[in-house]
Amino acid sequence: MGKVSRQNGIKTIAALALAALALAGCTGVKNDYTYGGVTFSGKAKPVRGDRKSFVASAGPASVSLDGAIGGATYEGVKYCIDFLGTSDIAWQVGPDTPRQQLDLSGNRVTFRGRCVE
């Protein structure tokens, strides 16, 4: 095997350390929404065939409807920022929808919206 210079060895160690740090930063990252000391987990996904449109949900709604609404709103805004770089949303069902008209299935609040350019 060839001889490794000290400078190349230090560069290799530094590169490995940076790679390990980058990987450590990617694991265990949670973007949950917290309201009143309670964590509300949520998700948003595109509507098939139209990536500008999405469905966002969060829960548990039984713990706090306001917290679940905030969590679903957060997920929708995050989705649009990630997808289009804007937080403008045209909500079909969203944070301004009357509570009695909200979809509360599975102990989660579900919103529908479209990212606006």
PDB file of N, CA and C in Angstrom:
ATOM      1  N   MET A   1       0.831  -1.173   0.000  1.00  0.00           N
ATOM      2  CA  MET A   1       0.000   0.000   0.000  1.00  0.00           C
ATOM      3  C   MET A   1       0.876   1.237   0.000  1.00  0.00           C
ATOM      4  N   GLY A   2       0.337   2.323  -0.535  1.00  0.00           N
ATOM      5  CA  GLY A   2       1.078   3.565  -0.600  1.00  0.00           C
ATOM      6  C   GLY A   2       1.113   4.265   0.748  1.00  0.00           C
ATOM      7  N   LYS A   3       1.997   5.192   0.833  1.00  0.00           N
ATOM      8  CA  LYS A   3       2.161   5.958   2.057  1.00  0.00           C
ATOM      9  C   LYS A   3       1.146   7.108   2.077  1.00  0.00           C
ATOM     10  N   VAL A   4       0.488   7.325   3.220  1.00  0.00           N
ATOM     11  CA  VAL A   4      -0.479   8.401   3.370  1.00  0.00           C
ATOM     12  C   VAL A   4       0.199   9.546   4.097  1.00  0.00           C
ATOM     13  N   SER A   5       0.135  10.723   3.490  1.00  0.00           N
ATOM     14  CA  SER A   5       0.750  11.868   4.153  1.00  0.00           C
ATOM     15  C   SER A   5      -0.127  12.303   5.317  1.00  0.00           C
ATOM     16  N   ARG A   6       0.456  12.998   6.252  1.00  0.00           N
ATOM     17  CA  ARG A   6      -0.277  13.471   7.426  1.00  0.00           C
ATOM     18  C   ARG A   6      -1.401  14.427   7.013  1.00  0.00           C
ATOM     19  N   GLN A   7      -1.133  15.283   6.039  1.00  0.00           N
ATOM     20  CA  GLN A   7      -2.139  16.246   5.585  1.00  0.00           C
ATOM     21  C   GLN A   7      -3.343  15.527   4.974  1.00  0.00           C
ATOM     22  N   ASN A   8      -3.098  14.490   4.163  1.00  0.00           N
ATOM     23  CA  ASN A   8      -4.213  13.732   3.576  1.00  0.00           C
ATOM     24  C   ASN A   8      -4.995  12.997   4.659  1.00  0.00           C
ATOM     25  N   GLY A   9      -4.310  12.509   5.679  1.00  0.00           N
ATOM     26  CA  GLY A   9      -4.977  11.827   6.790  1.00  0.00           C
ATOM     27  C   GLY A   9      -5.894  12.770   7.551  1.00  0.00           C
ATOM     28  N   ILE A  10      -5.436  13.999   7.792  1.00  0.00           N
ATOM     29  CA  ILE A  10      -6.253  14.995   8.496  1.00  0.00           C
ATOM     30  C   ILE A  10      -7.464  15.375   7.655  1.00  0.00           C
ATOM     31  N   LYS A  11      -7.278  15.527   6.347  1.00  0.00           N
ATOM     32  CA  LYS A  11      -8.396  15.855   5.466  1.00  0.00           C
ATOM     33  C   LYS A  11      -9.434  14.737   5.462  1.00  0.00           C
ATOM     34  N   THR A  12      -8.964  13.504   5.460  1.00  0.00           N
ATOM     35  CA  THR A  12      -9.879  12.368   5.470  1.00  0.00           C
ATOM     36  C   THR A  12     -10.677  12.328   6.763  1.00  0.00           C
ATOM     37  N   ILE A  13     -10.009  12.526   7.880  1.00  0.00           N
ATOM     38  CA  ILE A  13     -10.684  12.522   9.178  1.00  0.00           C
ATOM     39  C   ILE A  13     -11.697  13.665   9.246  1.00  0.00           C
ATOM     40  N   ALA A  14     -11.321  14.834   8.752  1.00  0.00           N
ATOM     41  CA  ALA A  14     -12.230  15.978   8.762  1.00  0.00           C
ATOM     42  C   ALA A  14     -13.456  15.709   7.893  1.00  0.00           C
ATOM     43  N   ALA A  15     -13.242  15.102   6.728  1.00  0.00           N
ATOM     44  CA  ALA A  15     -14.359  14.785   5.836  1.00  0.00           C
ATOM     45  C   ALA A  15     -15.295  13.772   6.478  1.00  0.00           C
ATOM     46  N   LEU A  16     -14.732  12.760   7.131  1.00  0.00           N
ATOM     47  CA  LEU A  16     -15.558  11.765   7.808  1.00  0.00           C
ATOM     48  C   LEU A  16     -16.338  12.381   8.969  1.00  0.00           C
ATOM     49  N   ALA A  17     -15.697  13.281   9.703  1.00  0.00           N
ATOM     50  CA  ALA A  17     -16.369  13.946  10.822  1.00  0.00           C
ATOM     51  C   ALA A  17     -17.528  14.805  10.317  1.00  0.00           C
ATOM     52  N   LEU A  18     -17.330  15.532   9.227  1.00  0.00           N
ATOM     53  CA  LEU A  18     -18.403  16.351   8.648  1.00  0.00           C
ATOM     54  C   LEU A  18     -19.556  15.484   8.152  1.00  0.00           C
ATOM     55  N   ALA A  19     -19.229  14.350   7.528  1.00  0.00           N
ATOM     56  CA  ALA A  19     -20.272  13.452   7.045  1.00  0.00           C
ATOM     57  C   ALA A  19     -21.079  12.886   8.218  1.00  0.00           C
ATOM     58  N   ALA A  20     -20.394  12.508   9.297  1.00  0.00           N
ATOM     59  CA  ALA A  20     -21.082  11.982  10.480  1.00  0.00           C
ATOM     60  C   ALA A  20     -21.972  13.050  11.103  1.00  0.00           C
ATOM     61  N   LEU A  21     -21.488  14.289  11.152  1.00  0.00           N
ATOM     62  CA  LEU A  21     -22.272  15.386  11.706  1.00  0.00           C
ATOM     63  C   LEU A  21     -23.514  15.650  10.853  1.00  0.00           C
ATOM     64  N   ALA A  22     -23.354  15.604   9.547  1.00  0.00           N
ATOM     65  CA  ALA A  22     -24.485  15.828   8.650  1.00  0.00           C
ATOM     66  C   ALA A  22     -25.533  14.735   8.827  1.00  0.00           C
ATOM     67  N   LEU A  23     -25.094  13.494   8.939  1.00  0.00           N
ATOM     68  CA  LEU A  23     -26.036  12.395   9.134  1.00  0.00           C
ATOM     69  C   LEU A  23     -26.718  12.491  10.487  1.00  0.00           C
ATOM     70  N   ALA A  24     -25.997  12.892  11.498  1.00  0.00           N
ATOM     71  CA  ALA A  24     -26.588  13.031  12.837  1.00  0.00           C
ATOM     72  C   ALA A  24     -27.654  14.113  12.839  1.00  0.00           C
ATOM     73  N   GLY A  25     -27.462  15.155  12.051  1.00  0.00           N
ATOM     74  CA  GLY A  25     -28.440  16.236  11.975  1.00  0.00           C
ATOM     75  C   GLY A  25     -29.723  15.836  11.277  1.00  0.00           C
ATOM     76  N   CYS A  26     -29.680  14.764  10.472  1.00  0.00           N
ATOM     77  CA  CYS A  26     -30.856  14.331   9.719  1.00  0.00           C
ATOM     78  C   CYS A  26     -31.733  13.361  10.492  1.00  0.00           C
ATOM     79  N   THR A  27     -31.225  12.760  11.520  1.00  0.00           N
ATOM     80  CA  THR A  27     -32.000  11.759  12.226  1.00  0.00           C
ATOM     81  C   THR A  27     -32.742  12.373  13.396  1.00  0.00           C
ATOM     82  N   GLY A  28     -33.903  11.873  13.639  1.00  0.00           N
ATOM     83  CA  GLY A  28     -34.660  12.283  14.808  1.00  0.00           C
ATOM     84  C   GLY A  28     -35.260  13.676  14.738  1.00  0.00           C
ATOM     85  N   VAL A  29     -35.302  14.288  13.557  1.00  0.00           N
ATOM     86  CA  VAL A  29     -35.876  15.625  13.438  1.00  0.00           C
ATOM     87  C   VAL A  29     -37.388  15.490  13.359  1.00  0.00           C
ATOM     88  N   LYS A  30     -38.093  16.121  14.275  1.00  0.00           N
ATOM     89  CA  LYS A  30     -39.545  16.097  14.288  1.00  0.00           C
ATOM     90  C   LYS A  30     -40.042  17.515  14.064  1.00  0.00           C
ATOM     91  N   ASN A  31     -41.024  17.652  13.222  1.00  0.00           N
ATOM     92  CA  ASN A  31     -41.614  18.956  12.959  1.00  0.00           C
ATOM     93  C   ASN A  31     -43.031  19.017  13.489  1.00  0.00           C
ATOM     94  N   ASP A  32     -43.253  18.413  14.642  1.00  0.00           N
ATOM     95  CA  ASP A  32     -44.581  18.424  15.234  1.00  0.00           C
ATOM     96  C   ASP A  32     -44.938  19.824  15.722  1.00  0.00           C
ATOM     97  N   TYR A  33     -46.217  20.046  15.883  1.00  0.00           N
ATOM     98  CA  TYR A  33     -46.761  21.317  16.342  1.00  0.00           C
ATOM     99  C   TYR A  33     -47.108  21.186  17.827  1.00  0.00           C
ATOM    100  N   THR A  34     -46.700  22.154  18.623  1.00  0.00           N
ATOM    101  CA  THR A  34     -46.993  22.128  20.049  1.00  0.00           C
ATOM    102  C   THR A  34     -47.949  23.263  20.393  1.00  0.00           C
ATOM    103  N   TYR A  35     -49.001  22.918  21.149  1.00  0.00           N
ATOM    104  CA  TYR A  35     -50.013  23.893  21.553  1.00  0.00           C
ATOM    105  C   TYR A  35     -50.416  23.557  22.987  1.00  0.00           C
ATOM    106  N   GLY A  36     -50.312  24.514  23.869  1.00  0.00           N
ATOM    107  CA  GLY A  36     -50.699  24.312  25.257  1.00  0.00           C
ATOM    108  C   GLY A  36     -49.908  23.214  25.944  1.00  0.00           C
ATOM    109  N   GLY A  37     -48.666  23.035  25.530  1.00  0.00           N
ATOM    110  CA  GLY A  37     -47.818  22.017  26.127  1.00  0.00           C
ATOM    111  C   GLY A  37     -48.058  20.618  25.583  1.00  0.00           C
ATOM    112  N   VAL A  38     -48.954  20.469  24.620  1.00  0.00           N
ATOM    113  CA  VAL A  38     -49.266  19.168  24.025  1.00  0.00           C
ATOM    114  C   VAL A  38     -48.729  19.152  22.593  1.00  0.00           C
ATOM    115  N   THR A  39     -48.148  18.036  22.202  1.00  0.00           N
ATOM    116  CA  THR A  39     -47.614  17.884  20.854  1.00  0.00           C
ATOM    117  C   THR A  39     -48.662  17.259  19.946  1.00  0.00           C
ATOM    118  N   PHE A  40     -48.860  17.872  18.793  1.00  0.00           N
ATOM    119  CA  PHE A  40     -49.807  17.390  17.791  1.00  0.00           C
ATOM    120  C   PHE A  40     -49.022  16.978  16.557  1.00  0.00           C
ATOM    121  N   SER A  41     -49.065  15.694  16.237  1.00  0.00           N
ATOM    122  CA  SER A  41     -48.340  15.219  15.063  1.00  0.00           C
ATOM    123  C   SER A  41     -49.229  15.394  13.841  1.00  0.00           C
ATOM    124  N   GLY A  42     -48.598  15.714  12.733  1.00  0.00           N
ATOM    125  CA  GLY A  42     -49.360  15.953  11.520  1.00  0.00           C
ATOM    126  C   GLY A  42     -48.610  15.521  10.289  1.00  0.00           C
ATOM    127  N   LYS A  43     -49.305  15.596   9.185  1.00  0.00           N
ATOM    128  CA  LYS A  43     -48.693  15.294   7.891  1.00  0.00           C
ATOM    129  C   LYS A  43     -49.494  15.985   6.801  1.00  0.00           C
ATOM    130  N   ALA A  44     -48.828  16.179   5.680  1.00  0.00           N
ATOM    131  CA  ALA A  44     -49.494  16.725   4.500  1.00  0.00           C
ATOM    132  C   ALA A  44     -48.999  15.945   3.300  1.00  0.00           C
ATOM    133  N   LYS A  45     -49.903  15.692   2.378  1.00  0.00           N
ATOM    134  CA  LYS A  45     -49.512  14.968   1.168  1.00  0.00           C
ATOM    135  C   LYS A  45     -50.245  15.546  -0.026  1.00  0.00           C
ATOM    136  N   PRO A  46     -49.625  15.434  -1.204  1.00  0.00           N
ATOM    137  CA  PRO A  46     -50.263  15.990  -2.396  1.00  0.00           C
ATOM    138  C   PRO A  46     -51.480  15.178  -2.808  1.00  0.00           C
ATOM    139  N   VAL A  47     -52.389  15.853  -3.507  1.00  0.00           N
ATOM    140  CA  VAL A  47     -53.532  15.180  -4.111  1.00  0.00           C
ATOM    141  C   VAL A  47     -53.044  14.574  -5.423  1.00  0.00           C
ATOM    142  N   ARG A  48     -53.414  13.358  -5.660  1.00  0.00           N
ATOM    143  CA  ARG A  48     -52.951  12.659  -6.864  1.00  0.00           C
ATOM    144  C   ARG A  48     -53.285  13.451  -8.127  1.00  0.00           C
ATOM    145  N   GLY A  49     -52.278  13.677  -8.955  1.00  0.00           N
ATOM    146  CA  GLY A  49     -52.470  14.369 -10.215  1.00  0.00           C
ATOM    147  C   GLY A  49     -52.380  15.888 -10.141  1.00  0.00           C
ATOM    148  N   ASP A  50     -52.241  16.439  -8.935  1.00  0.00           N
ATOM    149  CA  ASP A  50     -52.164  17.895  -8.773  1.00  0.00           C
ATOM    150  C   ASP A  50     -51.335  18.218  -7.538  1.00  0.00           C
ATOM    151  N   ARG A  51     -50.039  18.381  -7.710  1.00  0.00           N
ATOM    152  CA  ARG A  51     -49.152  18.580  -6.565  1.00  0.00           C
ATOM    153  C   ARG A  51     -49.368  19.901  -5.850  1.00  0.00           C
ATOM    154  N   LYS A  52     -50.025  20.864  -6.481  1.00  0.00           N
ATOM    155  CA  LYS A  52     -50.328  22.119  -5.783  1.00  0.00           C
ATOM    156  C   LYS A  52     -51.417  21.918  -4.732  1.00  0.00           C
ATOM    157  N   SER A  53     -52.275  20.938  -4.952  1.00  0.00           N
ATOM    158  CA  SER A  53     -53.345  20.636  -4.004  1.00  0.00           C
ATOM    159  C   SER A  53     -52.838  19.606  -3.002  1.00  0.00           C
ATOM    160  N   PHE A  54     -53.300  19.726  -1.771  1.00  0.00           N
ATOM    161  CA  PHE A  54     -52.816  18.843  -0.713  1.00  0.00           C
ATOM    162  C   PHE A  54     -53.922  18.550   0.294  1.00  0.00           C
ATOM    163  N   VAL A  55     -53.666  17.531   1.083  1.00  0.00           N
ATOM    164  CA  VAL A  55     -54.493  17.186   2.237  1.00  0.00           C
ATOM    165  C   VAL A  55     -53.560  17.203   3.432  1.00  0.00           C
ATOM    166  N   ALA A  56     -53.931  17.943   4.474  1.00  0.00           N
ATOM    167  CA  ALA A  56     -53.112  18.042   5.689  1.00  0.00           C
ATOM    168  C   ALA A  56     -53.970  17.634   6.879  1.00  0.00           C
ATOM    169  N   SER A  57     -53.347  16.900   7.800  1.00  0.00           N
ATOM    170  CA  SER A  57     -54.091  16.488   8.989  1.00  0.00           C
ATOM    171  C   SER A  57     -53.186  16.536  10.208  1.00  0.00           C
ATOM    172  N   ALA A  58     -53.816  16.621  11.384  1.00  0.00           N
ATOM    173  CA  ALA A  58     -53.075  16.627  12.647  1.00  0.00           C
ATOM    174  C   ALA A  58     -54.002  16.172  13.767  1.00  0.00           C
ATOM    175  N   GLY A  59     -53.409  15.659  14.806  1.00  0.00           N
ATOM    176  CA  GLY A  59     -54.196  15.206  15.944  1.00  0.00           C
ATOM    177  C   GLY A  59     -53.290  14.957  17.136  1.00  0.00           C
ATOM    178  N   PRO A  60     -53.826  14.641  18.256  1.00  0.00           N
ATOM    179  CA  PRO A  60     -55.182  14.174  18.530  1.00  0.00           C
ATOM    180  C   PRO A  60     -56.164  15.321  18.770  1.00  0.00           C
ATOM    181  N   ALA A  61     -57.267  15.307  18.021  1.00  0.00           N
ATOM    182  CA  ALA A  61     -58.280  16.357  18.135  1.00  0.00           C
ATOM    183  C   ALA A  61     -59.040  16.269  19.450  1.00  0.00           C
ATOM    184  N   SER A  62     -59.105  15.079  20.047  1.00  0.00           N
ATOM    185  CA  SER A  62     -59.838  14.921  21.307  1.00  0.00           C
ATOM    186  C   SER A  62     -59.142  15.620  22.474  1.00  0.00           C
ATOM    187  N   VAL A  63     -57.842  15.822  22.357  1.00  0.00           N
ATOM    188  CA  VAL A  63     -57.092  16.513  23.417  1.00  0.00           C
ATOM    189  C   VAL A  63     -57.327  18.016  23.329  1.00  0.00           C
ATOM    190  N   SER A  64     -57.243  18.560  22.109  1.00  0.00           N
ATOM    191  CA  SER A  64     -57.488  19.981  21.892  1.00  0.00           C
ATOM    192  C   SER A  64     -57.804  20.201  20.422  1.00  0.00           C
ATOM    193  N   LEU A  65     -59.009  20.615  20.135  1.00  0.00           N
ATOM    194  CA  LEU A  65     -59.389  20.899  18.758  1.00  0.00           C
ATOM    195  C   LEU A  65     -58.571  22.073  18.229  1.00  0.00           C
ATOM    196  N   ASP A  66     -58.344  23.090  19.056  1.00  0.00           N
ATOM    197  CA  ASP A  66     -57.518  24.228  18.633  1.00  0.00           C
ATOM    198  C   ASP A  66     -56.101  23.776  18.288  1.00  0.00           C
ATOM    199  N   GLY A  67     -55.544  22.878  19.082  1.00  0.00           N
ATOM    200  CA  GLY A  67     -54.201  22.363  18.816  1.00  0.00           C
ATOM    201  C   GLY A  67     -54.138  21.567  17.526  1.00  0.00           C
ATOM    202  N   ALA A  68     -55.148  20.736  17.274  1.00  0.00           N
ATOM    203  CA  ALA A  68     -55.185  19.958  16.038  1.00  0.00           C
ATOM    204  C   ALA A  68     -55.373  20.863  14.824  1.00  0.00           C
ATOM    205  N   ILE A  69     -56.201  21.894  14.961  1.00  0.00           N
ATOM    206  CA  ILE A  69     -56.374  22.859  13.870  1.00  0.00           C
ATOM    207  C   ILE A  69     -55.051  23.564  13.583  1.00  0.00           C
ATOM    208  N   GLY A  70     -54.356  23.989  14.627  1.00  0.00           N
ATOM    209  CA  GLY A  70     -53.049  24.621  14.439  1.00  0.00           C
ATOM    210  C   GLY A  70     -52.054  23.683  13.789  1.00  0.00           C
ATOM    211  N   GLY A  71     -52.075  22.419  14.185  1.00  0.00           N
ATOM    212  CA  GLY A  71     -51.160  21.441  13.601  1.00  0.00           C
ATOM    213  C   GLY A  71     -51.428  21.198  12.132  1.00  0.00           C
ATOM    214  N   ALA A  72     -52.703  21.079  11.743  1.00  0.00           N
ATOM    215  CA  ALA A  72     -53.047  20.862  10.337  1.00  0.00           C
ATOM    216  C   ALA A  72     -52.709  22.101   9.502  1.00  0.00           C
ATOM    217  N   THR A  73     -52.938  23.280  10.070  1.00  0.00           N
ATOM    218  CA  THR A  73     -52.576  24.523   9.378  1.00  0.00           C
ATOM    219  C   THR A  73     -51.066  24.573   9.160  1.00  0.00           C
ATOM    220  N   TYR A  74     -50.312  24.263  10.206  1.00  0.00           N
ATOM    221  CA  TYR A  74     -48.849  24.231  10.135  1.00  0.00           C
ATOM    222  C   TYR A  74     -48.380  23.293   9.029  1.00  0.00           C
ATOM    223  N   GLU A  75     -48.968  22.098   8.953  1.00  0.00           N
ATOM    224  CA  GLU A  75     -48.567  21.131   7.937  1.00  0.00           C
ATOM    225  C   GLU A  75     -48.869  21.642   6.533  1.00  0.00           C
ATOM    226  N   GLY A  76     -50.012  22.292   6.345  1.00  0.00           N
ATOM    227  CA  GLY A  76     -50.346  22.839   5.037  1.00  0.00           C
ATOM    228  C   GLY A  76     -49.392  23.943   4.613  1.00  0.00           C
ATOM    229  N   VAL A  77     -49.094  24.845   5.539  1.00  0.00           N
ATOM    230  CA  VAL A  77     -48.157  25.938   5.235  1.00  0.00           C
ATOM    231  C   VAL A  77     -46.776  25.369   4.927  1.00  0.00           C
ATOM    232  N   LYS A  78     -46.335  24.409   5.724  1.00  0.00           N
ATOM    233  CA  LYS A  78     -45.024  23.784   5.506  1.00  0.00           C
ATOM    234  C   LYS A  78     -44.979  23.101   4.145  1.00  0.00           C
ATOM    235  N   TYR A  79     -46.065  22.420   3.775  1.00  0.00           N
ATOM    236  CA  TYR A  79     -46.128  21.746   2.479  1.00  0.00           C
ATOM    237  C   TYR A  79     -45.940  22.753   1.343  1.00  0.00           C
ATOM    238  N   CYS A  80     -46.687  23.864   1.389  1.00  0.00           N
ATOM    239  CA  CYS A  80     -46.607  24.848   0.310  1.00  0.00           C
ATOM    240  C   CYS A  80     -45.247  25.538   0.255  1.00  0.00           C
ATOM    241  N   ILE A  81     -44.655  25.813   1.405  1.00  0.00           N
ATOM    242  CA  ILE A  81     -43.324  26.423   1.409  1.00  0.00           C
ATOM    243  C   ILE A  81     -42.315  25.458   0.801  1.00  0.00           C
ATOM    244  N   ASP A  82     -42.389  24.190   1.177  1.00  0.00           N
ATOM    245  CA  ASP A  82     -41.461  23.197   0.618  1.00  0.00           C
ATOM    246  C   ASP A  82     -41.675  23.004  -0.871  1.00  0.00           C
ATOM    247  N   PHE A  83     -42.928  23.010  -1.320  1.00  0.00           N
ATOM    248  CA  PHE A  83     -43.240  22.728  -2.722  1.00  0.00           C
ATOM    249  C   PHE A  83     -43.070  23.935  -3.631  1.00  0.00           C
ATOM    250  N   LEU A  84     -43.606  25.094  -3.224  1.00  0.00           N
ATOM    251  CA  LEU A  84     -43.587  26.274  -4.092  1.00  0.00           C
ATOM    252  C   LEU A  84     -42.793  27.453  -3.540  1.00  0.00           C
ATOM    253  N   GLY A  85     -42.409  27.381  -2.282  1.00  0.00           N
ATOM    254  CA  GLY A  85     -41.689  28.502  -1.689  1.00  0.00           C
ATOM    255  C   GLY A  85     -42.608  29.630  -1.249  1.00  0.00           C
ATOM    256  N   THR A  86     -43.890  29.349  -1.107  1.00  0.00           N
ATOM    257  CA  THR A  86     -44.846  30.359  -0.672  1.00  0.00           C
ATOM    258  C   THR A  86     -45.748  29.765   0.404  1.00  0.00           C
ATOM    259  N   SER A  87     -46.252  30.613   1.267  1.00  0.00           N
ATOM    260  CA  SER A  87     -47.183  30.133   2.291  1.00  0.00           C
ATOM    261  C   SER A  87     -48.615  30.528   1.972  1.00  0.00           C
ATOM    262  N   ASP A  88     -48.850  31.018   0.767  1.00  0.00           N
ATOM    263  CA  ASP A  88     -50.207  31.406   0.364  1.00  0.00           C
ATOM    264  C   ASP A  88     -51.012  30.161   0.014  1.00  0.00           C
ATOM    265  N   ILE A  89     -52.179  30.039   0.638  1.00  0.00           N
ATOM    266  CA  ILE A  89     -53.009  28.850   0.448  1.00  0.00           C
ATOM    267  C   ILE A  89     -54.454  29.269   0.217  1.00  0.00           C
ATOM    268  N   ALA A  90     -55.075  28.640  -0.770  1.00  0.00           N
ATOM    269  CA  ALA A  90     -56.519  28.753  -0.966  1.00  0.00           C
ATOM    270  C   ALA A  90     -57.107  27.499  -0.310  1.00  0.00           C
ATOM    271  N   TRP A  91     -57.728  27.674   0.850  1.00  0.00           N
ATOM    272  CA  TRP A  91     -58.270  26.547   1.607  1.00  0.00           C
ATOM    273  C   TRP A  91     -59.665  26.197   1.105  1.00  0.00           C
ATOM    274  N   GLN A  92     -59.912  24.913   0.823  1.00  0.00           N
ATOM    275  CA  GLN A  92     -61.275  24.436   0.591  1.00  0.00           C
ATOM    276  C   GLN A  92     -61.903  24.127   1.956  1.00  0.00           C
ATOM    277  N   VAL A  93     -61.153  23.452   2.811  1.00  0.00           N
ATOM    278  CA  VAL A  93     -61.495  23.215   4.208  1.00  0.00           C
ATOM    279  C   VAL A  93     -60.238  23.576   4.977  1.00  0.00           C
ATOM    280  N   GLY A  94     -60.317  24.559   5.854  1.00  0.00           N
ATOM    281  CA  GLY A  94     -59.114  25.028   6.533  1.00  0.00           C
ATOM    282  C   GLY A  94     -59.404  25.649   7.877  1.00  0.00           C
ATOM    283  N   PRO A  95     -58.474  26.447   8.354  1.00  0.00           N
ATOM    284  CA  PRO A  95     -58.591  27.006   9.698  1.00  0.00           C
ATOM    285  C   PRO A  95     -59.792  27.932   9.898  1.00  0.00           C
ATOM    286  N   ASP A  96     -60.343  28.487   8.829  1.00  0.00           N
ATOM    287  CA  ASP A  96     -61.504  29.372   8.959  1.00  0.00           C
ATOM    288  C   ASP A  96     -62.836  28.649   8.766  1.00  0.00           C
ATOM    289  N   THR A  97     -62.774  27.362   8.488  1.00  0.00           N
ATOM    290  CA  THR A  97     -63.999  26.576   8.318  1.00  0.00           C
ATOM    291  C   THR A  97     -64.706  26.455   9.674  1.00  0.00           C
ATOM    292  N   PRO A  98     -66.032  26.651   9.710  1.00  0.00           N
ATOM    293  CA  PRO A  98     -66.751  26.477  10.987  1.00  0.00           C
ATOM    294  C   PRO A  98     -66.471  25.094  11.583  1.00  0.00           C
ATOM    295  N   ARG A  99     -66.303  25.058  12.883  1.00  0.00           N
ATOM    296  CA  ARG A  99     -65.928  23.815  13.572  1.00  0.00           C
ATOM    297  C   ARG A  99     -66.875  22.660  13.283  1.00  0.00           C
ATOM    298  N   GLN A 100     -68.163  22.924  13.183  1.00  0.00           N
ATOM    299  CA  GLN A 100     -69.118  21.841  12.958  1.00  0.00           C
ATOM    300  C   GLN A 100     -68.994  21.253  11.554  1.00  0.00           C
ATOM    301  N   GLN A 101     -68.272  21.914  10.655  1.00  0.00           N
ATOM    302  CA  GLN A 101     -68.086  21.411   9.291  1.00  0.00           C
ATOM    303  C   GLN A 101     -66.725  20.748   9.087  1.00  0.00           C
ATOM    304  N   LEU A 102     -65.891  20.677  10.122  1.00  0.00           N
ATOM    305  CA  LEU A 102     -64.559  20.084   9.992  1.00  0.00           C
ATOM    306  C   LEU A 102     -64.625  18.560   9.921  1.00  0.00           C
ATOM    307  N   ASP A 103     -63.694  17.985   9.174  1.00  0.00           N
ATOM    308  CA  ASP A 103     -63.538  16.537   9.094  1.00  0.00           C
ATOM    309  C   ASP A 103     -62.704  16.098  10.295  1.00  0.00           C
ATOM    310  N   LEU A 104     -63.323  15.387  11.247  1.00  0.00           N
ATOM    311  CA  LEU A 104     -62.647  14.964  12.471  1.00  0.00           C
ATOM    312  C   LEU A 104     -62.515  13.445  12.556  1.00  0.00           C
ATOM    313  N   SER A 105     -62.368  12.768  11.453  1.00  0.00           N
ATOM    314  CA  SER A 105     -62.268  11.316  11.482  1.00  0.00           C
ATOM    315  C   SER A 105     -60.911  10.857  12.020  1.00  0.00           C
ATOM    316  N   GLY A 106     -60.931   9.729  12.721  1.00  0.00           N
ATOM    317  CA  GLY A 106     -59.695   9.149  13.244  1.00  0.00           C
ATOM    318  C   GLY A 106     -59.008   9.995  14.295  1.00  0.00           C
ATOM    319  N   ASN A 107     -59.759  10.841  15.005  1.00  0.00           N
ATOM    320  CA  ASN A 107     -59.211  11.719  16.049  1.00  0.00           C
ATOM    321  C   ASN A 107     -58.228  12.744  15.489  1.00  0.00           C
ATOM    322  N   ARG A 108     -58.390  13.058  14.206  1.00  0.00           N
ATOM    323  CA  ARG A 108     -57.524  14.028  13.539  1.00  0.00           C
ATOM    324  C   ARG A 108     -58.386  15.059  12.805  1.00  0.00           C
ATOM    325  N   VAL A 109     -57.874  16.261  12.668  1.00  0.00           N
ATOM    326  CA  VAL A 109     -58.501  17.292  11.839  1.00  0.00           C
ATOM    327  C   VAL A 109     -57.866  17.183  10.459  1.00  0.00           C
ATOM    328  N   THR A 110     -58.694  17.173   9.428  1.00  0.00           N
ATOM    329  CA  THR A 110     -58.177  17.076   8.064  1.00  0.00           C
ATOM    330  C   THR A 110     -58.599  18.308   7.271  1.00  0.00           C
ATOM    331  N   PHE A 111     -57.611  18.967   6.672  1.00  0.00           N
ATOM    332  CA  PHE A 111     -57.822  20.144   5.828  1.00  0.00           C
ATOM    333  C   PHE A 111     -57.484  19.804   4.389  1.00  0.00           C
ATOM    334  N   ARG A 112     -58.067  20.584   3.480  1.00  0.00           N
ATOM    335  CA  ARG A 112     -57.753  20.484   2.062  1.00  0.00           C
ATOM    336  C   ARG A 112     -57.477  21.894   1.553  1.00  0.00           C
ATOM    337  N   GLY A 113     -56.419  21.996   0.738  1.00  0.00           N
ATOM    338  CA  GLY A 113     -56.074  23.307   0.219  1.00  0.00           C
ATOM    339  C   GLY A 113     -55.273  23.225  -1.053  1.00  0.00           C
ATOM    340  N   ARG A 114     -54.950  24.371  -1.586  1.00  0.00           N
ATOM    341  CA  ARG A 114     -54.147  24.473  -2.813  1.00  0.00           C
ATOM    342  C   ARG A 114     -53.149  25.596  -2.637  1.00  0.00           C
ATOM    343  N   CYS A 115     -51.888  25.292  -2.900  1.00  0.00           N
ATOM    344  CA  CYS A 115     -50.825  26.295  -2.830  1.00  0.00           C
ATOM    345  C   CYS A 115     -51.012  27.312  -3.947  1.00  0.00           C
ATOM    346  N   VAL A 116     -50.878  28.590  -3.621  1.00  0.00           N
ATOM    347  CA  VAL A 116     -51.076  29.663  -4.580  1.00  0.00           C
ATOM    348  C   VAL A 116     -49.737  30.310  -4.885  1.00  0.00           C
ATOM    349  N   GLU A 117     -49.447  30.436  -6.176  1.00  0.00           N
ATOM    350  CA  GLU A 117     -48.183  31.063  -6.590  1.00  0.00           C
ATOM    351  C   GLU A 117     -48.256  32.564  -6.516  1.00  0.00           C
TER     352      GLU A 117
END
